[in-house]
């Protein structure tokens, strides 16, 4: 756990703050999130726009820091922005069942499992290409041969899905 100021404590999993207001630069440095990304999240409505000072500076509060931490953690786990938006909307209804959140997480788990399968297929194909290469001339190179003809691959499932 790292102490940031006498009233702010942050660790990898949670953010605790006083009701003090913070600038976008502070928020960026403490969350390791670029200023442009924070502005983008505000622009697309993923984060609420903060109040502004008399000098028109954004003034972030605890709720903004907590919401950004939630978004960042979701992104680290690979959730697309649409899923994070859906999860954030669930947070505002704490008395409902968490079935929808579980469904979203299960969908992300399936996507991760699919990616792992594709990566394992890629790894196997690359290992085979390297092993079968005789280290001779490029005209006889197994790596070049397989890259030139996808039919020479053992697996067809090592491509990235479209629209990721």
Protein backbone atom coordinates (compact mmCIF):
# COMPACT_ATOMS: atom_id res chain seq x y z
CA UNK A 1 0.00 0.00 0.00
CA UNK A 2 1.27 3.46 -0.91
CA UNK A 3 0.39 6.62 1.00
CA UNK A 4 -0.07 9.45 -1.52
CA UNK A 5 -1.00 12.31 0.79
CA UNK A 6 -2.00 12.40 4.44
CA UNK A 7 -5.65 11.95 3.37
CA UNK A 8 -5.27 9.59 0.40
CA UNK A 9 -4.38 5.90 0.38
CA UNK A 10 -4.17 3.84 -2.82
CA UNK A 11 -3.31 0.23 -3.44
CA UNK A 12 -3.81 -2.00 -6.48
CA UNK A 13 -7.38 -2.86 -5.52
CA UNK A 14 -8.98 0.14 -3.87
CA UNK A 15 -8.85 3.88 -3.60
CA UNK A 16 -9.78 5.74 -0.42
CA UNK A 17 -9.87 9.51 -0.34
CA UNK A 18 -11.23 12.40 1.58
CA UNK A 19 -13.93 14.55 0.00
CA UNK A 20 -11.17 16.85 -1.25
CA UNK A 21 -11.13 17.83 -4.93
CA UNK A 22 -8.27 16.88 -7.25
CA UNK A 23 -7.04 18.02 -10.64
CA UNK A 24 -6.95 15.87 -13.74
CA UNK A 25 -3.15 15.81 -13.54
CA UNK A 26 -3.28 14.36 -10.02
CA UNK A 27 -5.91 11.83 -11.06
CA UNK A 28 -3.81 10.83 -14.05
CA UNK A 29 -0.60 10.39 -12.08
CA UNK A 30 -2.23 8.45 -9.25
CA UNK A 31 -4.20 6.08 -11.46
CA UNK A 32 -1.59 5.69 -14.20
CA UNK A 33 -4.25 6.72 -16.71
CA UNK A 34 -3.40 9.29 -19.37
CA UNK A 35 -5.15 12.64 -19.21
CA UNK A 36 -6.42 12.10 -22.77
CA UNK A 37 -7.94 8.77 -21.73
CA UNK A 38 -9.72 10.36 -18.78
CA UNK A 39 -11.12 13.05 -21.08
CA UNK A 40 -12.17 10.37 -23.57
CA UNK A 41 -14.02 8.44 -20.86
CA UNK A 42 -15.84 11.66 -19.98
CA UNK A 43 -16.59 12.41 -23.64
CA UNK A 44 -18.20 8.99 -24.23
CA UNK A 45 -20.11 9.18 -20.94
CA UNK A 46 -18.24 6.38 -19.17
CA UNK A 47 -17.21 8.83 -16.45
CA UNK A 48 -19.29 11.80 -15.35
CA UNK A 49 -17.85 15.18 -16.14
CA UNK A 50 -16.51 16.74 -12.96
CA UNK A 51 -17.43 20.16 -11.68
CA UNK A 52 -15.13 22.97 -12.72
CA UNK A 53 -13.31 25.63 -10.78
CA UNK A 54 -13.77 29.33 -11.39
CA UNK A 55 -10.74 29.04 -13.68
CA UNK A 56 -12.50 26.22 -15.62
CA UNK A 57 -10.22 23.46 -14.27
CA UNK A 58 -11.73 20.05 -13.75
CA UNK A 59 -12.07 19.20 -10.06
CA UNK A 60 -12.36 15.49 -9.40
CA UNK A 61 -13.89 14.00 -6.29
CA UNK A 62 -13.73 10.59 -4.64
CA UNK A 63 -16.52 9.22 -6.84
CA UNK A 64 -14.49 10.02 -9.95
CA UNK A 65 -11.40 8.30 -8.61
CA UNK A 66 -13.41 5.23 -7.64
CA UNK A 67 -15.15 5.08 -11.01
CA UNK A 68 -11.86 5.47 -12.90
CA UNK A 69 -10.33 2.70 -10.77
CA UNK A 70 -13.29 0.47 -11.68
CA UNK A 71 -12.90 1.26 -15.39
CA UNK A 72 -9.13 0.74 -15.35
CA UNK A 73 -9.46 -2.60 -13.56
CA UNK A 74 -12.12 -3.69 -16.04
CA UNK A 75 -9.86 -2.73 -18.95
CA UNK A 76 -6.95 -4.62 -17.38
CA UNK A 77 -9.18 -7.71 -17.35
CA UNK A 78 -9.94 -7.13 -21.04
CA UNK A 79 -13.55 -6.03 -20.75
CA UNK A 80 -14.66 -3.95 -23.72
CA UNK A 81 -15.96 -0.46 -22.98
CA UNK A 82 -19.56 -1.54 -23.67
CA UNK A 83 -19.31 -4.23 -20.98
CA UNK A 84 -17.80 -1.77 -18.52
CA UNK A 85 -20.62 0.66 -19.27
CA UNK A 86 -23.15 -2.09 -18.55
CA UNK A 87 -21.39 -3.05 -15.32
CA UNK A 88 -21.28 0.58 -14.20
CA UNK A 89 -25.02 0.88 -14.80
CA UNK A 90 -25.54 -2.14 -12.56
CA UNK A 91 -23.62 -0.43 -9.75
CA UNK A 92 -26.31 2.23 -9.57
CA UNK A 93 -28.88 -0.50 -8.73
CA UNK A 94 -27.27 -2.28 -5.76
CA UNK A 95 -30.42 -4.15 -4.68
CA UNK A 96 -30.91 -6.11 -7.90
CA UNK A 97 -29.44 -9.56 -8.47
CA UNK A 98 -25.94 -9.79 -9.84
CA UNK A 99 -26.98 -12.19 -12.61
CA UNK A 100 -26.32 -9.62 -15.33
CA UNK A 101 -22.84 -8.92 -13.95
CA UNK A 102 -22.11 -12.64 -13.84
CA UNK A 103 -23.31 -13.02 -17.44
CA UNK A 104 -21.02 -10.21 -18.57
CA UNK A 105 -18.06 -11.74 -16.73
CA UNK A 106 -18.84 -15.19 -18.17
CA UNK A 107 -18.86 -13.69 -21.66
CA UNK A 108 -15.46 -12.13 -21.01
CA UNK A 109 -14.16 -15.43 -19.64
CA UNK A 110 -15.24 -17.20 -22.85
CA UNK A 111 -13.44 -14.55 -24.89
CA UNK A 112 -10.26 -15.01 -22.84
CA UNK A 113 -10.47 -18.80 -23.20
CA UNK A 114 -10.89 -18.38 -26.96
CA UNK A 115 -7.85 -16.09 -27.11
CA UNK A 116 -5.82 -18.61 -25.11
CA UNK A 117 -6.80 -21.35 -27.59
CA UNK A 118 -5.71 -19.20 -30.51
CA UNK A 119 -2.45 -18.28 -28.78
CA UNK A 120 -1.72 -21.94 -28.03
CA UNK A 121 -2.38 -22.79 -31.69
CA UNK A 122 -0.05 -19.96 -32.75
CA UNK A 123 2.62 -21.17 -30.36
CA UNK A 124 2.40 -24.72 -31.69
CA UNK A 125 2.53 -23.55 -35.29
CA UNK A 126 5.53 -21.30 -34.64
CA UNK A 127 7.34 -24.08 -32.76
CA UNK A 128 6.73 -26.47 -35.66
CA UNK A 129 7.88 -23.91 -38.26
CA UNK A 130 11.09 -23.24 -36.34
CA UNK A 131 11.76 -26.94 -35.69
CA UNK A 132 11.23 -27.90 -39.34
CA UNK A 133 13.40 -25.11 -40.71
CA UNK A 134 16.66 -26.56 -42.02
CA UNK A 135 18.47 -23.23 -41.70
CA UNK A 136 19.42 -23.33 -45.37
CA UNK A 137 18.51 -20.82 -48.05
CA UNK A 138 15.41 -18.62 -47.94
CA UNK A 139 14.10 -20.43 -51.05
CA UNK A 140 13.92 -23.62 -48.94
CA UNK A 141 12.93 -22.01 -45.63
CA UNK A 142 10.03 -23.73 -43.85
CA UNK A 143 9.07 -20.51 -42.06
CA UNK A 144 8.67 -18.67 -45.38
CA UNK A 145 6.93 -21.68 -46.95
CA UNK A 146 4.29 -21.93 -44.22
CA UNK A 147 3.71 -18.17 -44.11
CA UNK A 148 3.17 -18.17 -47.87
CA UNK A 149 0.60 -21.00 -47.77
CA UNK A 150 -1.87 -21.15 -44.88
CA UNK A 151 -2.86 -24.66 -45.99
CA UNK A 152 0.51 -25.88 -44.67
CA UNK A 153 -0.48 -24.92 -41.13
CA UNK A 154 -1.65 -27.66 -38.80
CA UNK A 155 -4.21 -25.34 -37.16
CA UNK A 156 -6.66 -22.96 -38.73
CA UNK A 157 -7.65 -21.38 -35.41
CA UNK A 158 -4.71 -19.08 -34.78
CA UNK A 159 -6.17 -15.92 -36.24
CA UNK A 160 -7.48 -13.04 -34.20
CA UNK A 161 -11.26 -12.64 -34.23
CA UNK A 162 -12.58 -9.72 -36.26
CA UNK A 163 -13.65 -6.50 -34.54
CA UNK A 164 -11.66 -6.92 -31.31
